[in-house]
Structure formats: C-alpha cells, structure tokens
N, C-alpha and C. Protein backbone atom coordinates (compact mmCIF):
# COMPACT_ATOMS: atom_id res chain seq x y z
N MET A 1 95.69 149.08 100.68
CA MET A 1 96.32 148.84 99.38
C MET A 1 97.77 148.39 99.61
N PRO A 2 98.20 147.25 98.98
CA PRO A 2 99.57 146.77 99.19
C PRO A 2 100.59 147.71 98.57
N LYS A 3 101.76 147.77 99.20
CA LYS A 3 102.83 148.61 98.68
C LYS A 3 103.40 147.99 97.41
N VAL A 4 103.65 148.84 96.42
CA VAL A 4 104.21 148.38 95.15
C VAL A 4 105.63 147.88 95.38
N GLY A 5 105.93 146.71 94.85
CA GLY A 5 107.28 146.16 94.95
C GLY A 5 107.56 145.37 96.21
N ILE A 6 106.58 145.22 97.09
CA ILE A 6 106.81 144.52 98.35
C ILE A 6 106.88 143.01 98.14
N GLU A 7 106.19 142.49 97.12
CA GLU A 7 106.16 141.03 96.92
C GLU A 7 107.54 140.45 96.64
N PRO A 8 108.33 141.02 95.70
CA PRO A 8 109.67 140.46 95.47
C PRO A 8 110.56 140.51 96.72
N ILE A 9 110.41 141.57 97.51
CA ILE A 9 111.20 141.70 98.73
C ILE A 9 110.82 140.61 99.72
N ARG A 10 109.53 140.40 99.90
CA ARG A 10 109.07 139.37 100.83
C ARG A 10 109.47 137.98 100.36
N LYS A 11 109.37 137.74 99.06
CA LYS A 11 109.76 136.43 98.54
C LYS A 11 111.24 136.16 98.81
N LYS A 12 112.08 137.17 98.58
CA LYS A 12 113.52 136.99 98.83
C LYS A 12 113.78 136.77 100.31
N GLN A 13 113.07 137.47 101.19
CA GLN A 13 113.22 137.27 102.62
C GLN A 13 112.82 135.86 103.02
N LEU A 14 111.77 135.34 102.41
CA LEU A 14 111.32 133.97 102.71
C LEU A 14 112.32 132.94 102.20
N ILE A 15 112.91 133.19 101.05
CA ILE A 15 113.94 132.29 100.53
C ILE A 15 115.15 132.30 101.45
N GLU A 16 115.58 133.47 101.88
CA GLU A 16 116.72 133.57 102.80
C GLU A 16 116.41 132.89 104.13
N ALA A 17 115.16 133.02 104.60
CA ALA A 17 114.74 132.36 105.83
C ALA A 17 114.76 130.84 105.66
N THR A 18 114.40 130.38 104.47
CA THR A 18 114.43 128.94 104.18
C THR A 18 115.86 128.42 104.21
N LEU A 19 116.78 129.17 103.62
CA LEU A 19 118.19 128.79 103.68
C LEU A 19 118.68 128.69 105.13
N CYS A 20 118.29 129.66 105.94
CA CYS A 20 118.68 129.65 107.36
C CYS A 20 118.08 128.45 108.08
N SER A 21 116.82 128.17 107.81
CA SER A 21 116.15 127.05 108.47
C SER A 21 116.77 125.72 108.07
N ILE A 22 117.04 125.53 106.78
CA ILE A 22 117.68 124.29 106.34
C ILE A 22 119.07 124.18 106.92
N GLY A 23 119.78 125.31 107.00
CA GLY A 23 121.11 125.31 107.61
C GLY A 23 121.08 124.86 109.06
N GLU A 24 120.04 125.22 109.77
CA GLU A 24 119.95 124.87 111.20
C GLU A 24 119.24 123.56 111.45
N HIS A 25 118.18 123.28 110.69
CA HIS A 25 117.33 122.11 110.98
C HIS A 25 117.38 121.01 109.93
N GLY A 26 118.04 121.27 108.78
CA GLY A 26 117.99 120.31 107.68
C GLY A 26 116.68 120.43 106.92
N LEU A 27 116.61 119.75 105.78
CA LEU A 27 115.40 119.85 104.96
C LEU A 27 114.21 119.20 105.65
N GLN A 28 114.43 118.03 106.24
CA GLN A 28 113.32 117.34 106.90
C GLN A 28 112.81 118.10 108.11
N GLY A 29 113.72 118.76 108.83
CA GLY A 29 113.32 119.50 110.03
C GLY A 29 112.78 120.89 109.74
N THR A 30 112.92 121.32 108.50
CA THR A 30 112.40 122.64 108.11
C THR A 30 110.91 122.54 107.84
N THR A 31 110.17 123.40 108.49
CA THR A 31 108.71 123.42 108.35
C THR A 31 108.26 124.84 108.04
N ILE A 32 107.00 124.97 107.75
CA ILE A 32 106.42 126.29 107.55
C ILE A 32 106.66 127.15 108.79
N ASN A 33 106.55 126.53 109.97
CA ASN A 33 106.73 127.28 111.23
C ASN A 33 108.16 127.74 111.43
N THR A 34 109.16 126.88 111.10
CA THR A 34 110.55 127.31 111.28
C THR A 34 110.89 128.43 110.31
N ILE A 35 110.40 128.31 109.08
CA ILE A 35 110.64 129.37 108.08
C ILE A 35 109.96 130.66 108.54
N SER A 36 108.77 130.53 109.06
CA SER A 36 108.01 131.68 109.54
C SER A 36 108.77 132.39 110.66
N ARG A 37 109.36 131.60 111.57
CA ARG A 37 110.13 132.20 112.68
C ARG A 37 111.35 132.95 112.16
N PHE A 38 112.09 132.34 111.23
CA PHE A 38 113.29 132.99 110.69
C PHE A 38 112.94 134.25 109.91
N SER A 39 111.82 134.23 109.22
CA SER A 39 111.47 135.38 108.38
C SER A 39 110.71 136.46 109.13
N GLY A 40 110.10 136.08 110.27
CA GLY A 40 109.26 137.03 111.00
C GLY A 40 107.94 137.29 110.31
N MET A 41 107.56 136.39 109.40
CA MET A 41 106.30 136.53 108.67
C MET A 41 105.37 135.37 109.03
N SER A 42 104.11 135.56 108.78
CA SER A 42 103.13 134.53 109.11
C SER A 42 103.22 133.37 108.11
N SER A 43 102.79 132.19 108.56
CA SER A 43 102.78 131.02 107.68
C SER A 43 101.84 131.23 106.49
N GLY A 44 100.82 132.06 106.69
CA GLY A 44 99.88 132.34 105.60
C GLY A 44 100.54 133.03 104.42
N ILE A 45 101.55 133.87 104.70
CA ILE A 45 102.28 134.56 103.63
C ILE A 45 103.02 133.55 102.76
N ILE A 46 103.60 132.52 103.41
CA ILE A 46 104.33 131.49 102.68
C ILE A 46 103.38 130.77 101.71
N SER A 47 102.23 130.39 102.22
CA SER A 47 101.24 129.71 101.38
C SER A 47 100.75 130.63 100.27
N HIS A 48 100.58 131.90 100.59
CA HIS A 48 100.10 132.86 99.60
C HIS A 48 101.08 133.01 98.44
N TYR A 49 102.37 133.15 98.74
CA TYR A 49 103.36 133.39 97.70
C TYR A 49 103.85 132.11 97.01
N PHE A 50 103.95 131.00 97.77
CA PHE A 50 104.59 129.80 97.22
C PHE A 50 103.70 128.56 97.24
N GLY A 51 102.53 128.65 97.84
CA GLY A 51 101.63 127.50 97.88
C GLY A 51 101.98 126.49 98.95
N GLY A 52 103.01 126.76 99.73
CA GLY A 52 103.40 125.85 100.80
C GLY A 52 104.90 125.62 100.83
N LYS A 53 105.32 124.72 101.70
CA LYS A 53 106.75 124.45 101.90
C LYS A 53 107.42 123.97 100.62
N GLN A 54 106.79 123.03 99.90
CA GLN A 54 107.42 122.46 98.71
C GLN A 54 107.69 123.53 97.65
N GLY A 55 106.74 124.42 97.45
CA GLY A 55 106.94 125.50 96.49
C GLY A 55 108.07 126.43 96.89
N LEU A 56 108.19 126.67 98.19
CA LEU A 56 109.25 127.53 98.69
C LEU A 56 110.62 126.84 98.58
N ILE A 57 110.68 125.54 98.83
CA ILE A 57 111.93 124.80 98.68
C ILE A 57 112.40 124.87 97.22
N GLU A 58 111.48 124.65 96.30
CA GLU A 58 111.83 124.73 94.87
C GLU A 58 112.31 126.14 94.51
N ALA A 59 111.66 127.15 95.04
CA ALA A 59 112.07 128.54 94.76
C ALA A 59 113.46 128.81 95.34
N THR A 60 113.76 128.22 96.48
CA THR A 60 115.07 128.39 97.11
C THR A 60 116.17 127.75 96.28
N VAL A 61 115.91 126.56 95.77
CA VAL A 61 116.89 125.90 94.89
C VAL A 61 117.08 126.70 93.61
N ARG A 62 115.97 127.21 93.05
CA ARG A 62 116.09 128.06 91.85
C ARG A 62 116.93 129.29 92.14
N TYR A 63 116.78 129.85 93.33
CA TYR A 63 117.56 131.01 93.75
C TYR A 63 119.06 130.68 93.74
N LEU A 64 119.43 129.52 94.30
CA LEU A 64 120.84 129.12 94.31
C LEU A 64 121.35 128.88 92.89
N LEU A 65 120.51 128.27 92.05
CA LEU A 65 120.89 128.06 90.65
C LEU A 65 121.08 129.40 89.93
N GLU A 66 120.20 130.33 90.22
CA GLU A 66 120.29 131.66 89.60
C GLU A 66 121.56 132.38 90.05
N GLN A 67 121.94 132.18 91.33
CA GLN A 67 123.18 132.78 91.83
C GLN A 67 124.39 132.24 91.06
N LEU A 68 124.38 130.93 90.80
CA LEU A 68 125.46 130.34 90.00
C LEU A 68 125.54 130.99 88.62
N LYS A 69 124.39 131.07 87.98
CA LYS A 69 124.32 131.65 86.62
C LYS A 69 124.75 133.11 86.62
N THR A 70 124.25 133.88 87.58
CA THR A 70 124.56 135.31 87.65
C THR A 70 126.05 135.53 87.90
N THR A 71 126.62 134.74 88.80
CA THR A 71 128.05 134.86 89.10
C THR A 71 128.89 134.60 87.87
N LEU A 72 128.55 133.55 87.13
CA LEU A 72 129.31 133.22 85.92
C LEU A 72 129.18 134.33 84.88
N LEU A 73 127.96 134.79 84.65
CA LEU A 73 127.75 135.86 83.66
C LEU A 73 128.49 137.13 84.05
N HIS A 74 128.52 137.42 85.35
CA HIS A 74 129.24 138.61 85.83
C HIS A 74 130.73 138.49 85.53
N HIS A 75 131.31 137.33 85.81
CA HIS A 75 132.73 137.12 85.54
C HIS A 75 133.03 137.27 84.06
N ILE A 76 132.22 136.62 83.24
CA ILE A 76 132.48 136.61 81.80
C ILE A 76 132.30 137.99 81.19
N SER A 77 131.38 138.78 81.72
CA SER A 77 131.10 140.09 81.14
C SER A 77 132.18 141.13 81.46
N GLN A 78 133.07 140.81 82.38
CA GLN A 78 134.09 141.76 82.78
C GLN A 78 135.09 142.06 81.65
N ALA A 79 135.32 141.05 80.83
CA ALA A 79 136.30 141.25 79.74
C ALA A 79 136.12 140.12 78.74
N GLU A 80 136.75 140.28 77.58
CA GLU A 80 136.74 139.21 76.60
C GLU A 80 137.57 138.06 77.15
N ALA A 81 136.92 136.96 77.45
CA ALA A 81 137.62 135.83 78.05
C ALA A 81 137.97 134.81 76.98
N SER A 82 139.17 134.26 77.10
CA SER A 82 139.57 133.15 76.23
C SER A 82 138.81 131.91 76.69
N PRO A 83 138.75 130.87 75.87
CA PRO A 83 138.07 129.65 76.31
C PRO A 83 138.64 129.09 77.61
N GLN A 84 139.96 129.14 77.75
CA GLN A 84 140.58 128.63 78.98
C GLN A 84 140.17 129.49 80.18
N GLN A 85 140.18 130.81 80.01
CA GLN A 85 139.75 131.70 81.10
C GLN A 85 138.29 131.45 81.46
N ARG A 86 137.48 131.22 80.44
CA ARG A 86 136.05 130.97 80.69
C ARG A 86 135.86 129.69 81.51
N LEU A 87 136.66 128.66 81.21
CA LEU A 87 136.60 127.42 81.99
C LEU A 87 136.95 127.69 83.45
N MET A 88 137.96 128.52 83.67
CA MET A 88 138.35 128.86 85.04
C MET A 88 137.23 129.62 85.75
N MET A 89 136.55 130.48 85.02
CA MET A 89 135.44 131.25 85.59
C MET A 89 134.27 130.34 85.98
N ILE A 90 134.06 129.28 85.21
CA ILE A 90 133.01 128.32 85.55
C ILE A 90 133.33 127.66 86.89
N VAL A 91 134.59 127.29 87.06
CA VAL A 91 135.02 126.70 88.33
C VAL A 91 134.80 127.70 89.46
N GLU A 92 135.26 128.93 89.25
CA GLU A 92 135.14 129.97 90.29
C GLU A 92 133.67 130.19 90.68
N ALA A 93 132.78 130.18 89.70
CA ALA A 93 131.36 130.40 89.98
C ALA A 93 130.80 129.31 90.88
N ASN A 94 131.30 128.08 90.71
CA ASN A 94 130.81 126.97 91.52
C ASN A 94 131.41 126.94 92.92
N PHE A 95 132.44 127.73 93.14
CA PHE A 95 133.08 127.76 94.45
C PHE A 95 133.04 129.16 95.09
N THR A 96 132.07 129.98 94.68
CA THR A 96 131.94 131.31 95.29
C THR A 96 131.50 131.19 96.75
N ASN A 97 131.62 132.28 97.49
CA ASN A 97 131.29 132.27 98.92
C ASN A 97 129.85 131.84 99.18
N ILE A 98 128.92 132.30 98.33
CA ILE A 98 127.52 131.95 98.58
C ILE A 98 127.31 130.44 98.45
N GLN A 99 128.06 129.80 97.54
CA GLN A 99 127.93 128.35 97.38
C GLN A 99 128.65 127.59 98.49
N GLN A 100 129.49 128.29 99.26
CA GLN A 100 130.23 127.66 100.35
C GLN A 100 129.59 127.88 101.71
N SER A 101 128.63 128.78 101.81
CA SER A 101 128.03 129.09 103.10
C SER A 101 127.33 127.86 103.67
N ASP A 102 127.27 127.77 105.00
CA ASP A 102 126.64 126.62 105.65
C ASP A 102 125.21 126.42 105.16
N ALA A 103 124.48 127.52 105.05
CA ALA A 103 123.08 127.43 104.62
C ALA A 103 122.99 126.88 103.20
N ALA A 104 123.86 127.37 102.30
CA ALA A 104 123.81 126.91 100.91
C ALA A 104 124.26 125.46 100.80
N THR A 105 125.35 125.09 101.48
CA THR A 105 125.84 123.71 101.37
C THR A 105 124.81 122.73 101.90
N ARG A 106 124.19 123.04 103.01
CA ARG A 106 123.18 122.12 103.56
C ARG A 106 121.94 122.06 102.67
N THR A 107 121.61 123.17 102.05
CA THR A 107 120.47 123.17 101.13
C THR A 107 120.79 122.32 99.90
N TRP A 108 121.99 122.48 99.33
CA TRP A 108 122.38 121.68 98.18
C TRP A 108 122.40 120.20 98.53
N LEU A 109 122.98 119.85 99.68
CA LEU A 109 123.05 118.44 100.07
C LEU A 109 121.66 117.85 100.26
N SER A 110 120.79 118.60 100.91
CA SER A 110 119.41 118.15 101.10
C SER A 110 118.69 118.03 99.76
N PHE A 111 118.94 119.00 98.89
CA PHE A 111 118.31 119.01 97.58
C PHE A 111 118.70 117.78 96.77
N TRP A 112 120.01 117.47 96.75
CA TRP A 112 120.47 116.31 95.99
C TRP A 112 119.85 115.02 96.52
N ALA A 113 119.77 114.90 97.83
CA ALA A 113 119.17 113.70 98.41
C ALA A 113 117.69 113.60 98.07
N GLN A 114 116.98 114.71 98.19
CA GLN A 114 115.54 114.72 97.95
C GLN A 114 115.19 114.60 96.47
N ALA A 115 116.10 115.03 95.61
CA ALA A 115 115.83 115.00 94.16
C ALA A 115 115.63 113.57 93.65
N MET A 116 116.17 112.59 94.38
CA MET A 116 115.99 111.20 93.97
C MET A 116 114.55 110.74 94.14
N HIS A 117 113.79 111.46 94.97
CA HIS A 117 112.42 111.03 95.29
C HIS A 117 111.36 112.02 94.83
N ASP A 118 111.77 113.20 94.38
CA ASP A 118 110.83 114.26 94.06
C ASP A 118 111.01 114.68 92.61
N PRO A 119 110.02 114.43 91.74
CA PRO A 119 110.16 114.74 90.31
C PRO A 119 110.47 116.20 90.02
N ALA A 120 109.86 117.13 90.78
CA ALA A 120 110.10 118.56 90.53
C ALA A 120 111.55 118.93 90.84
N LEU A 121 112.07 118.41 91.95
CA LEU A 121 113.47 118.68 92.30
C LEU A 121 114.42 117.94 91.36
N ALA A 122 114.04 116.75 90.93
CA ALA A 122 114.86 116.00 89.98
C ALA A 122 115.01 116.78 88.67
N LYS A 123 113.92 117.42 88.26
CA LYS A 123 113.97 118.23 87.04
C LYS A 123 114.94 119.40 87.19
N LEU A 124 114.91 120.06 88.36
CA LEU A 124 115.84 121.16 88.62
C LEU A 124 117.28 120.66 88.61
N GLN A 125 117.50 119.46 89.16
CA GLN A 125 118.83 118.88 89.17
C GLN A 125 119.32 118.61 87.75
N ARG A 126 118.44 118.11 86.90
CA ARG A 126 118.82 117.87 85.50
C ARG A 126 119.18 119.17 84.79
N VAL A 127 118.40 120.22 85.04
CA VAL A 127 118.69 121.53 84.46
C VAL A 127 120.06 122.02 84.91
N ASN A 128 120.33 121.88 86.19
CA ASN A 128 121.61 122.31 86.75
C ASN A 128 122.77 121.54 86.11
N SER A 129 122.63 120.22 86.02
CA SER A 129 123.70 119.40 85.44
C SER A 129 123.92 119.72 83.97
N GLN A 130 122.83 119.87 83.23
CA GLN A 130 122.95 120.16 81.80
C GLN A 130 123.56 121.54 81.55
N ARG A 131 123.22 122.50 82.39
CA ARG A 131 123.79 123.84 82.24
C ARG A 131 125.30 123.82 82.44
N LEU A 132 125.74 123.10 83.48
CA LEU A 132 127.18 123.00 83.75
C LEU A 132 127.88 122.31 82.58
N LEU A 133 127.34 121.18 82.13
CA LEU A 133 127.95 120.46 81.00
C LEU A 133 127.99 121.31 79.74
N SER A 134 126.91 122.01 79.47
CA SER A 134 126.83 122.85 78.27
C SER A 134 127.86 123.97 78.30
N ASN A 135 128.00 124.63 79.45
CA ASN A 135 128.97 125.71 79.59
C ASN A 135 130.40 125.20 79.41
N LEU A 136 130.68 124.05 80.01
CA LEU A 136 132.02 123.48 79.89
C LEU A 136 132.30 123.04 78.46
N ARG A 137 131.36 122.35 77.84
CA ARG A 137 131.53 121.85 76.48
C ARG A 137 131.75 123.00 75.49
N TYR A 138 131.02 124.09 75.68
CA TYR A 138 131.13 125.25 74.80
C TYR A 138 132.58 125.75 74.74
N SER A 139 133.23 125.83 75.90
CA SER A 139 134.62 126.32 75.91
C SER A 139 135.61 125.27 75.45
N TYR A 140 135.39 124.03 75.88
CA TYR A 140 136.32 122.97 75.45
C TYR A 140 136.31 122.77 73.94
N LYS A 141 135.16 122.98 73.29
CA LYS A 141 135.07 122.79 71.83
C LYS A 141 135.98 123.74 71.07
N LYS A 142 136.31 124.85 71.69
CA LYS A 142 137.20 125.82 71.05
C LYS A 142 138.68 125.45 71.22
N LEU A 143 138.92 124.42 72.03
CA LEU A 143 140.30 124.05 72.36
C LEU A 143 140.70 122.66 71.91
N MET A 144 139.71 121.82 71.54
CA MET A 144 140.01 120.43 71.20
C MET A 144 138.91 119.86 70.32
N PRO A 145 139.12 118.70 69.72
CA PRO A 145 138.08 118.07 68.90
C PRO A 145 136.80 117.82 69.70
N LEU A 146 135.68 117.74 68.98
CA LEU A 146 134.36 117.66 69.62
C LEU A 146 134.24 116.47 70.55
N ASP A 147 134.69 115.29 70.13
CA ASP A 147 134.56 114.11 70.99
C ASP A 147 135.37 114.27 72.26
N LYS A 148 136.55 114.84 72.15
CA LYS A 148 137.38 115.08 73.33
C LYS A 148 136.76 116.16 74.21
N ALA A 149 136.16 117.17 73.58
CA ALA A 149 135.51 118.26 74.34
C ALA A 149 134.36 117.73 75.18
N SER A 150 133.59 116.81 74.61
CA SER A 150 132.46 116.24 75.33
C SER A 150 132.94 115.43 76.53
N ASP A 151 133.98 114.62 76.32
CA ASP A 151 134.55 113.84 77.43
C ASP A 151 135.14 114.76 78.49
N ALA A 152 135.85 115.79 78.04
CA ALA A 152 136.47 116.73 78.98
C ALA A 152 135.43 117.44 79.83
N ALA A 153 134.30 117.81 79.20
CA ALA A 153 133.22 118.48 79.94
C ALA A 153 132.65 117.57 81.01
N LYS A 154 132.42 116.30 80.66
CA LYS A 154 131.87 115.35 81.63
C LYS A 154 132.83 115.12 82.80
N MET A 155 134.12 114.96 82.47
CA MET A 155 135.11 114.73 83.53
C MET A 155 135.22 115.95 84.44
N THR A 156 135.21 117.14 83.85
CA THR A 156 135.34 118.37 84.63
C THR A 156 134.12 118.59 85.51
N ALA A 157 132.93 118.33 84.98
CA ALA A 157 131.71 118.46 85.78
C ALA A 157 131.76 117.52 86.97
N ALA A 158 132.23 116.29 86.74
CA ALA A 158 132.34 115.32 87.84
C ALA A 158 133.36 115.78 88.88
N MET A 159 134.46 116.37 88.41
CA MET A 159 135.47 116.89 89.34
C MET A 159 134.90 118.03 90.18
N ILE A 160 134.20 118.97 89.54
CA ILE A 160 133.62 120.10 90.26
C ILE A 160 132.62 119.61 91.30
N ASP A 161 131.69 118.75 90.88
CA ASP A 161 130.68 118.25 91.81
C ASP A 161 131.31 117.43 92.93
N GLY A 162 132.26 116.56 92.55
CA GLY A 162 132.89 115.69 93.55
C GLY A 162 133.69 116.47 94.57
N PHE A 163 134.52 117.39 94.10
CA PHE A 163 135.32 118.19 95.03
C PHE A 163 134.44 119.11 95.88
N TRP A 164 133.37 119.65 95.26
CA TRP A 164 132.47 120.49 96.05
C TRP A 164 131.84 119.67 97.16
N LEU A 165 131.39 118.46 96.84
CA LEU A 165 130.75 117.60 97.84
C LEU A 165 131.73 117.24 98.96
N ARG A 166 132.93 116.84 98.60
CA ARG A 166 133.94 116.50 99.62
C ARG A 166 134.24 117.70 100.52
N SER A 167 134.32 118.87 99.91
CA SER A 167 134.61 120.08 100.70
C SER A 167 133.45 120.43 101.62
N ALA A 168 132.22 120.29 101.11
CA ALA A 168 131.04 120.61 101.92
C ALA A 168 130.93 119.71 103.14
N LEU A 169 131.40 118.48 103.02
CA LEU A 169 131.31 117.51 104.11
C LEU A 169 132.53 117.53 105.02
N SER A 170 133.51 118.35 104.68
CA SER A 170 134.77 118.40 105.44
C SER A 170 134.64 119.20 106.73
N ASP A 171 135.48 118.86 107.69
CA ASP A 171 135.54 119.63 108.95
C ASP A 171 136.21 120.97 108.75
N SER A 172 137.09 121.06 107.75
CA SER A 172 137.78 122.33 107.46
C SER A 172 137.37 122.78 106.05
N SER A 173 136.07 123.03 105.88
CA SER A 173 135.53 123.25 104.55
C SER A 173 136.11 124.47 103.84
N THR A 174 136.40 125.54 104.58
CA THR A 174 136.93 126.76 103.95
C THR A 174 138.24 126.47 103.23
N VAL A 175 139.15 125.79 103.92
CA VAL A 175 140.44 125.44 103.33
C VAL A 175 140.24 124.46 102.18
N ASP A 176 139.37 123.48 102.39
CA ASP A 176 139.14 122.46 101.37
C ASP A 176 138.48 123.03 100.11
N PHE A 177 137.56 123.98 100.28
CA PHE A 177 136.94 124.60 99.11
C PHE A 177 138.00 125.32 98.27
N LYS A 178 138.91 126.02 98.94
CA LYS A 178 139.96 126.74 98.22
C LYS A 178 140.86 125.77 97.47
N GLU A 179 141.23 124.69 98.15
CA GLU A 179 142.08 123.68 97.52
C GLU A 179 141.34 122.99 96.37
N ALA A 180 140.06 122.73 96.57
CA ALA A 180 139.25 122.07 95.54
C ALA A 180 139.19 122.92 94.27
N GLU A 181 139.00 124.22 94.43
CA GLU A 181 138.97 125.11 93.28
C GLU A 181 140.28 125.05 92.51
N ALA A 182 141.40 125.09 93.25
CA ALA A 182 142.72 125.04 92.61
C ALA A 182 142.93 123.72 91.88
N LEU A 183 142.49 122.62 92.48
CA LEU A 183 142.67 121.31 91.86
C LEU A 183 141.82 121.17 90.60
N CYS A 184 140.60 121.71 90.62
CA CYS A 184 139.76 121.68 89.42
C CYS A 184 140.39 122.48 88.29
N LYS A 185 140.97 123.62 88.62
CA LYS A 185 141.63 124.43 87.60
C LYS A 185 142.85 123.71 87.03
N HIS A 186 143.61 123.06 87.91
CA HIS A 186 144.78 122.29 87.46
C HIS A 186 144.35 121.15 86.55
N PHE A 187 143.24 120.51 86.89
CA PHE A 187 142.71 119.41 86.07
C PHE A 187 142.36 119.92 84.67
N ILE A 188 141.75 121.09 84.59
CA ILE A 188 141.40 121.68 83.30
C ILE A 188 142.66 121.96 82.48
N ASP A 189 143.67 122.52 83.11
CA ASP A 189 144.94 122.81 82.42
C ASP A 189 145.53 121.51 81.87
N THR A 190 145.47 120.43 82.67
CA THR A 190 146.01 119.15 82.26
C THR A 190 145.26 118.59 81.05
N LEU A 191 143.93 118.71 81.06
CA LEU A 191 143.13 118.25 79.93
C LEU A 191 143.46 119.02 78.66
N ILE A 192 143.62 120.32 78.79
CA ILE A 192 143.92 121.15 77.62
C ILE A 192 145.29 120.78 77.05
N LEU A 193 146.27 120.53 77.95
CA LEU A 193 147.59 120.12 77.48
C LEU A 193 147.54 118.75 76.80
N GLN A 194 146.69 117.88 77.33
CA GLN A 194 146.61 116.53 76.81
C GLN A 194 145.86 116.45 75.48
N TYR A 195 144.74 117.16 75.39
CA TYR A 195 143.85 117.02 74.22
C TYR A 195 143.83 118.20 73.27
N GLY A 196 144.28 119.34 73.76
CA GLY A 196 144.14 120.54 72.94
C GLY A 196 145.44 121.30 72.84
N ALA A 197 145.27 122.61 72.70
CA ALA A 197 146.43 123.49 72.60
C ALA A 197 146.16 124.75 73.37
N LEU A 198 147.14 125.23 74.14
CA LEU A 198 146.99 126.47 74.92
C LEU A 198 147.11 127.66 74.00
C-alpha cells in the first residue's frame, strides 16, 4: 500500500531534479535518464506522474510561475501596501533568489526559446506575461489615468523582462540582478512622477 502524501513529495523532487538537469545539461540535453539520475528515482516514476519529459517540463515551468505568484502574495500580505509599494514588490518578486539561481535562469531561458515552437509552453508564457501586466496595471491605475497606466504597465513589464534577461546572461549575474532590480524601481518612480502623483 503506498504511503499517504508521498506523491506530492516525489513530484516536487522530480521538479527539483529537472531544474538541476536543465541547469547542467540545458533543455535539449535533459532527458528522462538525466532527471532520473538527479532524482534517484526510476524513469517509470516520471512517466507515471507526468506522462513523460514534456509533462515534467511543463510542471517545472508551472512551479517557477507559482513561486513568482507566492512570493508576491507573501510580500503583499505582510502589510497594507500602497500602490507604489505594491509595484516595488512586483519587481522584488521577479528578482528573488530562486529566480536568480543558475537552475532557474537556465530553465527560464530554455522555456522562452522553446515556447516559440511548443503550443503548451507558449500558453504558459502568455499566462505569465498577462499576470505580470495585470498586476502592474492594477497598481498603476490607482496612480494615473487608465491610458497612462496601461502604457506604464507595458513599459515596466518590458524593463523587468529585459533587465532580468541581461542579468541572467551576464558573467557577474549576482551584481547585475541587484542593479537591475534597483533600476526597475527607479524607472517606476520616474513614471509615477511623470504621469501620476506620489
């Protein structure tokens, strides 16, 4: 008889093993066998829980997306945040340590590249982009007119994604991620001064 609660634990271990494998071998070099080696579980378990490599890759991306969402919700729940503070928390959530780790950055980079060719991953990418835009727009609407809020959200999303990408590809990524976060926050302050009111 299987132990109660073992499935979620095994699934999380397989997702973490996938992150490790992509970090070391890239998405193309990651196979059922490499994931199996990192996790210490049989390839049959992967097929049983996820239906194969593709299902596990999608689950891994969902895990990273969920980490983004959870981090943001955790920050916001700490206290009543002003719209400006909430915008800063969105930036912080996108530059947390888990999003900066080698395994996560390589998974995100592989995911973005593969999303152009894979409808399931493309759908996840659209969800991710829309969530970021929606969160930004929600706060900007409280600080400026709707048309300006929509433009500000798009510009800020582009800044976050662009700076994150540049930092992920940098030789000194730790320093660059920190600087990128500060620059995104400064950009938000500039937009609020230009279009809204503090």
